[in-house]
Amino acid sequence: MTQERVIERVRAEFMQMSRSIRLVAVIGIALLLFLIWSSTISPIAAHWSDEANQIVAQVDRIDQAANTATAQRAAVIAYGPMSSPASRSNESQDMLEAITKIMADSGIRKYNLTESSSAVKVGGGALQGVERIKVTVTFSADDEVAYEAIGALENSANLEGITSARIKRGKDGGRSLDIELTLEAWINEGRRR
């Protein structure tokens, strides 16, 4: 018997059955197919779905780590070298001594220093283990003396850089200027970069 004859015979016998028996047979076949699907195919599909979700989570973690590393590299490039928190007091002391020496060399006797530190934020989050030391210097001086002092501060090896400068004409008029400078240093746990 060929396959076509078998199919034709089964179809003919199925059509000879009463309507209710045909309905029960169709429901039985559907139920049998559902049981086969739920016991074999569904668990495999669920397992594959779980593995796909784990791969997506791993890719997200890798992307996040890469983005964080890129942000840290960009911060180091943008903000300059860093030193370890263990040497924070040394870094701060070096900055203050350099400022004091430059002010004395420039002949500026009256000035104020304010020191602070804070966590470094990049891209909305704080960089772990990275701290910023800020020193704000305010003084008044003749314009040529003030420019000389600012240049010496900017070129000092002990100072990382001037991040903000406010210069106003002095209250007494003439060539006097009121100066406010913010100097910064960056430290990172473990070692200076």
N, C-alpha and C. Protein backbone atom coordinates (compact mmCIF):
# COMPACT_ATOMS: atom_id res chain seq x y z
N MET A 1 0.83 -1.18 0.00
CA MET A 1 0.00 0.00 0.00
C MET A 1 0.87 1.24 0.00
N THR A 2 0.53 2.17 -0.85
CA THR A 2 1.29 3.40 -0.91
C THR A 2 0.77 4.37 0.14
N GLN A 3 1.56 5.36 0.36
CA GLN A 3 1.21 6.37 1.39
C GLN A 3 -0.06 7.12 1.01
N GLU A 4 -0.25 7.38 -0.26
CA GLU A 4 -1.45 8.10 -0.69
C GLU A 4 -2.70 7.28 -0.43
N ARG A 5 -2.62 5.96 -0.65
CA ARG A 5 -3.79 5.09 -0.41
C ARG A 5 -4.12 5.03 1.08
N VAL A 6 -3.08 4.98 1.91
CA VAL A 6 -3.30 4.94 3.37
C VAL A 6 -3.99 6.22 3.81
N ILE A 7 -3.52 7.35 3.34
CA ILE A 7 -4.12 8.63 3.72
C ILE A 7 -5.57 8.69 3.25
N GLU A 8 -5.83 8.22 2.02
CA GLU A 8 -7.19 8.24 1.47
C GLU A 8 -8.11 7.33 2.27
N ARG A 9 -7.62 6.15 2.68
CA ARG A 9 -8.44 5.21 3.46
C ARG A 9 -8.77 5.79 4.83
N VAL A 10 -7.76 6.40 5.52
CA VAL A 10 -8.00 7.00 6.84
C VAL A 10 -9.01 8.14 6.71
N ARG A 11 -8.89 8.92 5.68
CA ARG A 11 -9.83 10.04 5.46
C ARG A 11 -11.24 9.52 5.22
N ALA A 12 -11.37 8.47 4.47
CA ALA A 12 -12.69 7.91 4.18
C ALA A 12 -13.33 7.35 5.45
N GLU A 13 -12.55 6.67 6.26
CA GLU A 13 -13.10 6.12 7.50
C GLU A 13 -13.46 7.24 8.48
N PHE A 14 -12.63 8.29 8.47
CA PHE A 14 -12.92 9.43 9.35
C PHE A 14 -14.24 10.08 8.95
N MET A 15 -14.49 10.20 7.66
CA MET A 15 -15.72 10.83 7.18
C MET A 15 -16.94 9.96 7.44
N GLN A 16 -16.77 8.65 7.60
CA GLN A 16 -17.89 7.75 7.87
C GLN A 16 -18.32 7.82 9.33
N MET A 17 -17.44 8.33 10.20
CA MET A 17 -17.78 8.43 11.63
C MET A 17 -18.86 9.49 11.82
N SER A 18 -19.54 9.36 12.94
CA SER A 18 -20.55 10.37 13.26
C SER A 18 -19.85 11.69 13.61
N ARG A 19 -20.61 12.74 13.53
CA ARG A 19 -20.06 14.08 13.76
C ARG A 19 -19.46 14.21 15.16
N SER A 20 -20.08 13.70 16.18
CA SER A 20 -19.59 13.81 17.56
C SER A 20 -18.31 13.02 17.76
N ILE A 21 -18.20 11.85 17.12
CA ILE A 21 -16.98 11.05 17.25
C ILE A 21 -15.82 11.75 16.52
N ARG A 22 -16.11 12.35 15.36
CA ARG A 22 -15.06 13.11 14.66
C ARG A 22 -14.56 14.27 15.53
N LEU A 23 -15.50 14.95 16.20
CA LEU A 23 -15.12 16.08 17.09
C LEU A 23 -14.24 15.58 18.23
N VAL A 24 -14.62 14.45 18.84
CA VAL A 24 -13.82 13.88 19.93
C VAL A 24 -12.44 13.48 19.41
N ALA A 25 -12.36 12.91 18.20
CA ALA A 25 -11.08 12.51 17.63
C ALA A 25 -10.18 13.73 17.38
N VAL A 26 -10.75 14.81 16.83
CA VAL A 26 -9.97 16.02 16.58
C VAL A 26 -9.48 16.60 17.90
N ILE A 27 -10.36 16.65 18.91
CA ILE A 27 -9.95 17.17 20.23
C ILE A 27 -8.87 16.28 20.84
N GLY A 28 -8.99 14.97 20.68
CA GLY A 28 -7.99 14.04 21.20
C GLY A 28 -6.64 14.24 20.54
N ILE A 29 -6.65 14.41 19.22
CA ILE A 29 -5.38 14.64 18.50
C ILE A 29 -4.76 15.97 18.94
N ALA A 30 -5.59 17.01 19.08
CA ALA A 30 -5.09 18.32 19.53
C ALA A 30 -4.51 18.21 20.94
N LEU A 31 -5.19 17.48 21.81
CA LEU A 31 -4.71 17.30 23.19
C LEU A 31 -3.39 16.53 23.19
N LEU A 32 -3.29 15.50 22.35
CA LEU A 32 -2.06 14.73 22.25
C LEU A 32 -0.91 15.61 21.76
N LEU A 33 -1.15 16.44 20.74
CA LEU A 33 -0.12 17.35 20.25
C LEU A 33 0.28 18.37 21.31
N PHE A 34 -0.68 18.89 22.07
CA PHE A 34 -0.38 19.84 23.14
C PHE A 34 0.48 19.19 24.23
N LEU A 35 0.16 17.94 24.59
CA LEU A 35 0.95 17.25 25.62
C LEU A 35 2.38 17.01 25.14
N ILE A 36 2.52 16.64 23.87
CA ILE A 36 3.88 16.44 23.33
C ILE A 36 4.63 17.77 23.34
N TRP A 37 3.99 18.84 22.93
CA TRP A 37 4.63 20.17 22.92
C TRP A 37 5.02 20.60 24.33
N SER A 38 4.09 20.45 25.30
CA SER A 38 4.36 20.94 26.66
C SER A 38 5.41 20.11 27.38
N SER A 39 5.55 18.84 27.02
CA SER A 39 6.53 18.01 27.72
C SER A 39 7.90 18.02 27.05
N THR A 40 7.98 18.37 25.79
CA THR A 40 9.30 18.35 25.12
C THR A 40 9.72 19.72 24.58
N ILE A 41 8.89 20.32 23.79
CA ILE A 41 9.29 21.55 23.10
C ILE A 41 9.29 22.76 24.04
N SER A 42 8.29 22.89 24.88
CA SER A 42 8.20 24.05 25.78
C SER A 42 9.38 24.16 26.73
N PRO A 43 9.82 23.08 27.41
CA PRO A 43 10.98 23.21 28.29
C PRO A 43 12.26 23.61 27.53
N ILE A 44 12.40 23.08 26.31
CA ILE A 44 13.58 23.45 25.52
C ILE A 44 13.54 24.94 25.18
N ALA A 45 12.36 25.42 24.77
CA ALA A 45 12.22 26.84 24.44
C ALA A 45 12.47 27.71 25.67
N ALA A 46 11.95 27.29 26.84
CA ALA A 46 12.17 28.06 28.07
C ALA A 46 13.65 28.08 28.43
N HIS A 47 14.34 26.96 28.26
CA HIS A 47 15.77 26.88 28.55
C HIS A 47 16.55 27.81 27.62
N TRP A 48 16.21 27.79 26.34
CA TRP A 48 16.88 28.67 25.39
C TRP A 48 16.62 30.13 25.72
N SER A 49 15.40 30.43 26.14
CA SER A 49 15.06 31.81 26.51
C SER A 49 15.88 32.27 27.72
N ASP A 50 16.02 31.39 28.72
CA ASP A 50 16.82 31.73 29.90
C ASP A 50 18.29 31.95 29.53
N GLU A 51 18.81 31.10 28.65
CA GLU A 51 20.21 31.27 28.22
C GLU A 51 20.38 32.58 27.44
N ALA A 52 19.40 32.91 26.61
CA ALA A 52 19.48 34.17 25.86
C ALA A 52 19.45 35.36 26.81
N ASN A 53 18.61 35.30 27.85
CA ASN A 53 18.55 36.39 28.84
C ASN A 53 19.87 36.52 29.59
N GLN A 54 20.52 35.39 29.91
CA GLN A 54 21.81 35.44 30.59
C GLN A 54 22.88 36.06 29.69
N ILE A 55 22.85 35.74 28.41
CA ILE A 55 23.81 36.32 27.47
C ILE A 55 23.60 37.82 27.36
N VAL A 56 22.34 38.25 27.28
CA VAL A 56 22.04 39.68 27.22
C VAL A 56 22.54 40.38 28.48
N ALA A 57 22.33 39.77 29.65
CA ALA A 57 22.80 40.37 30.91
C ALA A 57 24.33 40.47 30.93
N GLN A 58 25.02 39.44 30.42
CA GLN A 58 26.48 39.50 30.37
C GLN A 58 26.96 40.59 29.43
N VAL A 59 26.32 40.71 28.28
CA VAL A 59 26.70 41.76 27.33
C VAL A 59 26.47 43.14 27.95
N ASP A 60 25.35 43.32 28.67
CA ASP A 60 25.09 44.59 29.34
C ASP A 60 26.16 44.91 30.38
N ARG A 61 26.58 43.89 31.16
CA ARG A 61 27.63 44.11 32.16
C ARG A 61 28.95 44.49 31.51
N ILE A 62 29.28 43.82 30.41
CA ILE A 62 30.52 44.13 29.70
C ILE A 62 30.47 45.54 29.12
N ASP A 63 29.33 45.91 28.54
CA ASP A 63 29.18 47.27 28.00
C ASP A 63 29.31 48.31 29.10
N GLN A 64 28.69 48.04 30.25
CA GLN A 64 28.76 48.98 31.36
C GLN A 64 30.20 49.11 31.86
N ALA A 65 30.91 48.00 31.97
CA ALA A 65 32.31 48.04 32.41
C ALA A 65 33.17 48.80 31.41
N ALA A 66 32.92 48.57 30.12
CA ALA A 66 33.68 49.27 29.08
C ALA A 66 33.40 50.77 29.13
N ASN A 67 32.13 51.13 29.33
CA ASN A 67 31.78 52.56 29.42
C ASN A 67 32.42 53.21 30.64
N THR A 68 32.43 52.50 31.77
CA THR A 68 33.04 53.03 32.99
C THR A 68 34.55 53.21 32.79
N ALA A 69 35.19 52.21 32.18
CA ALA A 69 36.63 52.30 31.93
C ALA A 69 36.94 53.46 30.99
N THR A 70 36.11 53.63 29.97
CA THR A 70 36.31 54.73 29.03
C THR A 70 36.14 56.07 29.74
N ALA A 71 35.12 56.17 30.60
CA ALA A 71 34.90 57.41 31.34
C ALA A 71 36.07 57.71 32.28
N GLN A 72 36.61 56.67 32.94
CA GLN A 72 37.74 56.88 33.83
C GLN A 72 38.98 57.32 33.05
N ARG A 73 39.22 56.68 31.89
CA ARG A 73 40.36 57.09 31.06
C ARG A 73 40.20 58.53 30.60
N ALA A 74 38.98 58.89 30.19
CA ALA A 74 38.73 60.25 29.73
C ALA A 74 38.94 61.24 30.88
N ALA A 75 38.53 60.86 32.09
CA ALA A 75 38.72 61.75 33.25
C ALA A 75 40.20 61.95 33.54
N VAL A 76 40.97 60.87 33.47
CA VAL A 76 42.41 60.98 33.74
C VAL A 76 43.07 61.86 32.68
N ILE A 77 42.68 61.67 31.42
CA ILE A 77 43.25 62.48 30.35
C ILE A 77 42.84 63.94 30.52
N ALA A 78 41.56 64.16 30.83
CA ALA A 78 41.05 65.53 30.93
C ALA A 78 41.57 66.26 32.16
N TYR A 79 41.70 65.54 33.29
CA TYR A 79 42.00 66.22 34.54
C TYR A 79 43.44 66.07 34.99
N GLY A 80 44.23 65.29 34.28
CA GLY A 80 45.64 65.21 34.59
C GLY A 80 45.99 64.12 35.57
N PRO A 81 47.24 64.13 36.03
CA PRO A 81 47.74 63.06 36.90
C PRO A 81 47.05 63.04 38.26
N MET A 82 47.11 61.87 38.90
CA MET A 82 46.49 61.69 40.22
C MET A 82 47.50 61.08 41.18
N SER A 83 47.24 61.24 42.47
CA SER A 83 48.08 60.60 43.47
C SER A 83 47.18 59.84 44.43
N SER A 84 47.78 58.99 45.23
CA SER A 84 46.98 58.13 46.10
C SER A 84 46.43 58.89 47.29
N PRO A 85 45.27 58.41 47.85
CA PRO A 85 44.72 59.08 49.03
C PRO A 85 45.68 59.05 50.21
N ALA A 86 46.55 58.04 50.26
CA ALA A 86 47.52 57.99 51.35
C ALA A 86 48.44 59.20 51.31
N SER A 87 48.66 59.72 50.09
CA SER A 87 49.53 60.89 49.99
C SER A 87 48.72 62.18 49.86
N ARG A 88 47.42 62.11 50.24
CA ARG A 88 46.56 63.29 50.13
C ARG A 88 47.12 64.45 50.95
N SER A 89 47.55 64.16 52.18
CA SER A 89 48.07 65.24 53.02
C SER A 89 49.37 65.79 52.41
N ASN A 90 50.21 64.90 51.84
CA ASN A 90 51.43 65.37 51.18
C ASN A 90 51.10 66.23 49.97
N GLU A 91 50.13 65.76 49.17
CA GLU A 91 49.72 66.50 47.97
C GLU A 91 49.19 67.87 48.36
N SER A 92 48.34 67.89 49.38
CA SER A 92 47.76 69.14 49.85
C SER A 92 48.84 70.06 50.40
N GLN A 93 49.76 69.51 51.19
CA GLN A 93 50.84 70.31 51.76
C GLN A 93 51.74 70.87 50.67
N ASP A 94 52.05 70.06 49.66
CA ASP A 94 52.87 70.53 48.54
C ASP A 94 52.20 71.69 47.82
N MET A 95 50.88 71.55 47.60
CA MET A 95 50.14 72.63 46.93
C MET A 95 50.20 73.92 47.75
N LEU A 96 49.93 73.80 49.06
CA LEU A 96 49.92 75.00 49.91
C LEU A 96 51.30 75.65 49.98
N GLU A 97 52.35 74.83 50.08
CA GLU A 97 53.71 75.38 50.13
C GLU A 97 54.07 76.08 48.81
N ALA A 98 53.67 75.49 47.69
CA ALA A 98 53.96 76.10 46.39
C ALA A 98 53.24 77.44 46.27
N ILE A 99 51.98 77.49 46.70
CA ILE A 99 51.21 78.74 46.63
C ILE A 99 51.86 79.80 47.52
N THR A 100 52.22 79.41 48.74
CA THR A 100 52.83 80.35 49.67
C THR A 100 54.14 80.91 49.11
N LYS A 101 54.97 80.03 48.54
CA LYS A 101 56.24 80.48 47.96
C LYS A 101 56.02 81.43 46.79
N ILE A 102 55.08 81.10 45.91
CA ILE A 102 54.82 81.95 44.74
C ILE A 102 54.29 83.31 45.18
N MET A 103 53.42 83.32 46.18
CA MET A 103 52.89 84.60 46.67
C MET A 103 54.01 85.44 47.28
N ALA A 104 54.88 84.80 48.05
CA ALA A 104 56.00 85.53 48.65
C ALA A 104 56.95 86.05 47.58
N ASP A 105 57.25 85.22 46.58
CA ASP A 105 58.15 85.65 45.49
C ASP A 105 57.55 86.80 44.69
N SER A 106 56.23 86.84 44.59
CA SER A 106 55.56 87.91 43.84
C SER A 106 55.36 89.17 44.68
N GLY A 107 55.64 89.08 45.97
CA GLY A 107 55.49 90.23 46.85
C GLY A 107 54.05 90.42 47.34
N ILE A 108 53.23 89.41 47.24
CA ILE A 108 51.84 89.49 47.72
C ILE A 108 51.82 88.96 49.14
N ARG A 109 51.49 89.83 50.08
CA ARG A 109 51.51 89.46 51.50
C ARG A 109 50.13 89.09 52.03
N LYS A 110 49.07 89.71 51.48
CA LYS A 110 47.72 89.44 51.97
C LYS A 110 46.98 88.58 50.95
N TYR A 111 46.69 87.37 51.38
CA TYR A 111 45.91 86.46 50.53
C TYR A 111 45.22 85.45 51.45
N ASN A 112 44.15 84.83 50.93
CA ASN A 112 43.40 83.83 51.69
C ASN A 112 43.41 82.51 50.91
N LEU A 113 43.55 81.40 51.66
CA LEU A 113 43.51 80.07 51.08
C LEU A 113 42.34 79.30 51.70
N THR A 114 41.57 78.62 50.86
CA THR A 114 40.49 77.75 51.35
C THR A 114 40.65 76.42 50.64
N GLU A 115 40.77 75.34 51.43
CA GLU A 115 40.98 74.01 50.87
C GLU A 115 39.73 73.17 51.05
N SER A 116 39.41 72.35 50.04
CA SER A 116 38.30 71.40 50.14
C SER A 116 38.60 70.19 49.28
N SER A 117 37.84 69.11 49.49
CA SER A 117 38.00 67.93 48.65
C SER A 117 36.63 67.34 48.39
N SER A 118 36.51 66.59 47.30
CA SER A 118 35.23 65.98 46.95
C SER A 118 35.47 64.78 46.05
N ALA A 119 34.44 63.92 45.97
CA ALA A 119 34.50 62.77 45.05
C ALA A 119 34.38 63.30 43.63
N VAL A 120 34.97 62.59 42.71
CA VAL A 120 34.94 62.99 41.30
C VAL A 120 33.75 62.33 40.63
N LYS A 121 32.92 63.14 39.96
CA LYS A 121 31.76 62.61 39.25
C LYS A 121 31.96 62.74 37.76
N VAL A 122 31.70 61.64 37.07
CA VAL A 122 31.78 61.61 35.61
C VAL A 122 30.56 60.88 35.10
N GLY A 123 29.85 61.47 34.18
CA GLY A 123 28.69 60.82 33.59
C GLY A 123 27.60 60.52 34.59
N GLY A 124 27.42 61.35 35.59
CA GLY A 124 26.34 61.16 36.57
C GLY A 124 26.71 60.28 37.75
N GLY A 125 27.84 59.60 37.73
CA GLY A 125 28.23 58.75 38.84
C GLY A 125 29.61 59.10 39.36
N ALA A 126 29.86 58.80 40.63
CA ALA A 126 31.16 59.09 41.23
C ALA A 126 32.16 58.03 40.82
N LEU A 127 33.39 58.45 40.52
CA LEU A 127 34.46 57.51 40.23
C LEU A 127 34.98 56.97 41.56
N GLN A 128 34.94 55.66 41.70
CA GLN A 128 35.35 55.03 42.94
C GLN A 128 36.84 55.25 43.20
N GLY A 129 37.18 55.72 44.38
CA GLY A 129 38.57 55.87 44.77
C GLY A 129 39.27 57.10 44.21
N VAL A 130 38.54 57.95 43.50
CA VAL A 130 39.14 59.15 42.94
C VAL A 130 38.62 60.35 43.72
N GLU A 131 39.53 61.21 44.13
CA GLU A 131 39.16 62.38 44.93
C GLU A 131 39.81 63.62 44.32
N ARG A 132 39.14 64.74 44.49
CA ARG A 132 39.66 66.01 43.96
C ARG A 132 39.94 66.94 45.13
N ILE A 133 41.16 67.50 45.15
CA ILE A 133 41.53 68.50 46.16
C ILE A 133 41.45 69.86 45.48
N LYS A 134 40.73 70.78 46.10
CA LYS A 134 40.61 72.13 45.54
C LYS A 134 41.14 73.13 46.56
N VAL A 135 41.90 74.10 46.08
CA VAL A 135 42.36 75.20 46.92
C VAL A 135 41.93 76.49 46.22
N THR A 136 41.20 77.32 46.94
CA THR A 136 40.79 78.61 46.40
C THR A 136 41.67 79.68 47.01
N VAL A 137 42.28 80.49 46.14
CA VAL A 137 43.18 81.55 46.57
C VAL A 137 42.54 82.89 46.18
N THR A 138 42.43 83.79 47.15
CA THR A 138 41.93 85.14 46.85
C THR A 138 42.98 86.15 47.30
N PHE A 139 43.22 87.15 46.46
CA PHE A 139 44.18 88.20 46.81
C PHE A 139 43.91 89.42 45.94
N SER A 140 44.50 90.53 46.35
CA SER A 140 44.45 91.77 45.58
C SER A 140 45.89 92.19 45.30
N ALA A 141 46.12 92.66 44.07
CA ALA A 141 47.48 93.08 43.70
C ALA A 141 47.41 93.98 42.48
N ASP A 142 48.53 94.65 42.23
CA ASP A 142 48.68 95.46 41.03
C ASP A 142 48.58 94.50 39.83
N ASP A 143 48.10 95.00 38.68
CA ASP A 143 47.83 94.11 37.55
C ASP A 143 49.05 93.32 37.08
N GLU A 144 50.20 93.94 36.99
CA GLU A 144 51.40 93.22 36.53
C GLU A 144 51.83 92.16 37.54
N VAL A 145 51.75 92.48 38.82
CA VAL A 145 52.10 91.51 39.86
C VAL A 145 51.11 90.36 39.85
N ALA A 146 49.82 90.66 39.68
CA ALA A 146 48.78 89.62 39.66
C ALA A 146 49.00 88.67 38.49
N TYR A 147 49.27 89.21 37.29
CA TYR A 147 49.50 88.36 36.12
C TYR A 147 50.74 87.49 36.30
N GLU A 148 51.77 88.05 36.91
CA GLU A 148 53.00 87.30 37.17
C GLU A 148 52.72 86.14 38.14
N ALA A 149 51.94 86.43 39.19
CA ALA A 149 51.61 85.38 40.18
C ALA A 149 50.76 84.28 39.55
N ILE A 150 49.79 84.67 38.72
CA ILE A 150 48.93 83.68 38.05
C ILE A 150 49.77 82.79 37.13
N GLY A 151 50.67 83.40 36.37
CA GLY A 151 51.55 82.63 35.48
C GLY A 151 52.43 81.66 36.26
N ALA A 152 52.97 82.12 37.39
CA ALA A 152 53.82 81.25 38.22
C ALA A 152 53.01 80.10 38.80
N LEU A 153 51.76 80.37 39.23
CA LEU A 153 50.91 79.30 39.75
C LEU A 153 50.59 78.27 38.66
N GLU A 154 50.29 78.76 37.48
CA GLU A 154 49.94 77.86 36.38
C GLU A 154 51.12 76.99 35.94
N ASN A 155 52.32 77.53 36.03
CA ASN A 155 53.51 76.79 35.60
C ASN A 155 54.16 75.97 36.71
N SER A 156 53.65 76.04 37.92
CA SER A 156 54.26 75.32 39.04
C SER A 156 54.10 73.81 38.87
N ALA A 157 55.18 73.07 39.12
CA ALA A 157 55.15 71.60 39.02
C ALA A 157 54.32 70.98 40.13
N ASN A 158 54.14 71.69 41.25
CA ASN A 158 53.38 71.15 42.37
C ASN A 158 51.89 71.40 42.26
N LEU A 159 51.47 72.13 41.26
CA LEU A 159 50.05 72.42 41.07
C LEU A 159 49.61 71.82 39.75
N GLU A 160 48.46 71.14 39.77
CA GLU A 160 47.97 70.46 38.57
C GLU A 160 47.41 71.45 37.56
N GLY A 161 46.78 72.50 38.02
CA GLY A 161 46.24 73.48 37.09
C GLY A 161 45.25 74.41 37.76
N ILE A 162 44.98 75.49 37.08
CA ILE A 162 43.98 76.45 37.55
C ILE A 162 42.68 76.11 36.82
N THR A 163 41.63 75.78 37.56
CA THR A 163 40.39 75.38 36.92
C THR A 163 39.39 76.52 36.81
N SER A 164 39.58 77.56 37.61
CA SER A 164 38.73 78.75 37.42
C SER A 164 39.49 79.97 37.89
N ALA A 165 39.21 81.08 37.24
CA ALA A 165 39.86 82.34 37.60
C ALA A 165 38.84 83.47 37.45
N ARG A 166 38.72 84.28 38.50
CA ARG A 166 37.87 85.46 38.44
C ARG A 166 38.73 86.68 38.73
N ILE A 167 38.70 87.60 37.82
CA ILE A 167 39.53 88.80 37.95
C ILE A 167 38.61 90.01 37.81
N LYS A 168 38.64 90.89 38.84
CA LYS A 168 37.83 92.11 38.82
C LYS A 168 38.73 93.31 39.09
N ARG A 169 38.31 94.42 38.58
CA ARG A 169 39.02 95.67 38.86
C ARG A 169 38.89 95.92 40.36
N GLY A 170 39.98 96.32 41.01
CA GLY A 170 39.98 96.57 42.45
C GLY A 170 39.05 97.71 42.85
N LYS A 171 38.60 97.70 44.09
CA LYS A 171 37.67 98.71 44.59
C LYS A 171 38.30 100.10 44.64
N ASP A 172 39.62 100.13 44.85
CA ASP A 172 40.28 101.43 44.94
C ASP A 172 40.60 102.02 43.57
N GLY A 173 40.23 101.30 42.49
CA GLY A 173 40.47 101.82 41.15
C GLY A 173 41.92 101.65 40.76
N GLY A 174 42.35 102.35 39.77
CA GLY A 174 43.75 102.27 39.33
C GLY A 174 44.04 100.93 38.70
N ARG A 175 45.24 100.44 38.94
CA ARG A 175 45.69 99.19 38.32
C ARG A 175 45.54 98.00 39.24
N SER A 176 44.86 98.18 40.35
CA SER A 176 44.66 97.09 41.31
C SER A 176 43.59 96.11 40.80
N LEU A 177 43.84 94.79 41.03
CA LEU A 177 42.89 93.75 40.64
C LEU A 177 42.57 92.88 41.85
N ASP A 178 41.30 92.44 41.93
CA ASP A 178 40.89 91.44 42.92
C ASP A 178 40.82 90.10 42.20
N ILE A 179 41.56 89.11 42.69
CA ILE A 179 41.72 87.83 42.01
C ILE A 179 41.16 86.71 42.89
N GLU A 180 40.44 85.77 42.25
CA GLU A 180 40.03 84.53 42.92
C GLU A 180 40.36 83.38 41.98
N LEU A 181 41.24 82.47 42.41
CA LEU A 181 41.67 81.33 41.60
C LEU A 181 41.30 80.03 42.31
N THR A 182 40.92 79.04 41.53
CA THR A 182 40.69 77.70 42.07
C THR A 182 41.72 76.76 41.44
N LEU A 183 42.52 76.15 42.30
CA LEU A 183 43.56 75.21 41.88
C LEU A 183 43.11 73.81 42.28
N GLU A 184 43.43 72.80 41.45
CA GLU A 184 42.98 71.44 41.75
C GLU A 184 44.10 70.44 41.60
N ALA A 185 43.96 69.35 42.38
CA ALA A 185 44.82 68.17 42.25
C ALA A 185 43.89 66.96 42.31
N TRP A 186 44.30 65.88 41.66
CA TRP A 186 43.49 64.66 41.60
C TRP A 186 44.27 63.53 42.23
N ILE A 187 43.60 62.77 43.07
CA ILE A 187 44.25 61.62 43.69
C ILE A 187 43.41 60.39 43.43
N ASN A 188 44.11 59.25 43.30
CA ASN A 188 43.45 57.98 43.02
C ASN A 188 44.05 56.95 43.95
N GLU A 189 43.23 56.01 44.43
CA GLU A 189 43.71 55.06 45.41
C GLU A 189 44.89 54.26 44.87
N GLY A 190 45.89 54.18 45.69
CA GLY A 190 47.04 53.35 45.35
C GLY A 190 48.25 54.05 44.80
N ARG A 191 48.08 54.92 43.80
CA ARG A 191 49.28 55.51 43.19
C ARG A 191 48.93 56.79 42.43
N ARG A 192 49.95 57.62 42.26
CA ARG A 192 49.79 58.83 41.47
C ARG A 192 49.91 58.45 40.01
N ARG A 193 49.06 59.04 39.16
CA ARG A 193 49.09 58.71 37.73
C ARG A 193 49.80 59.76 36.95
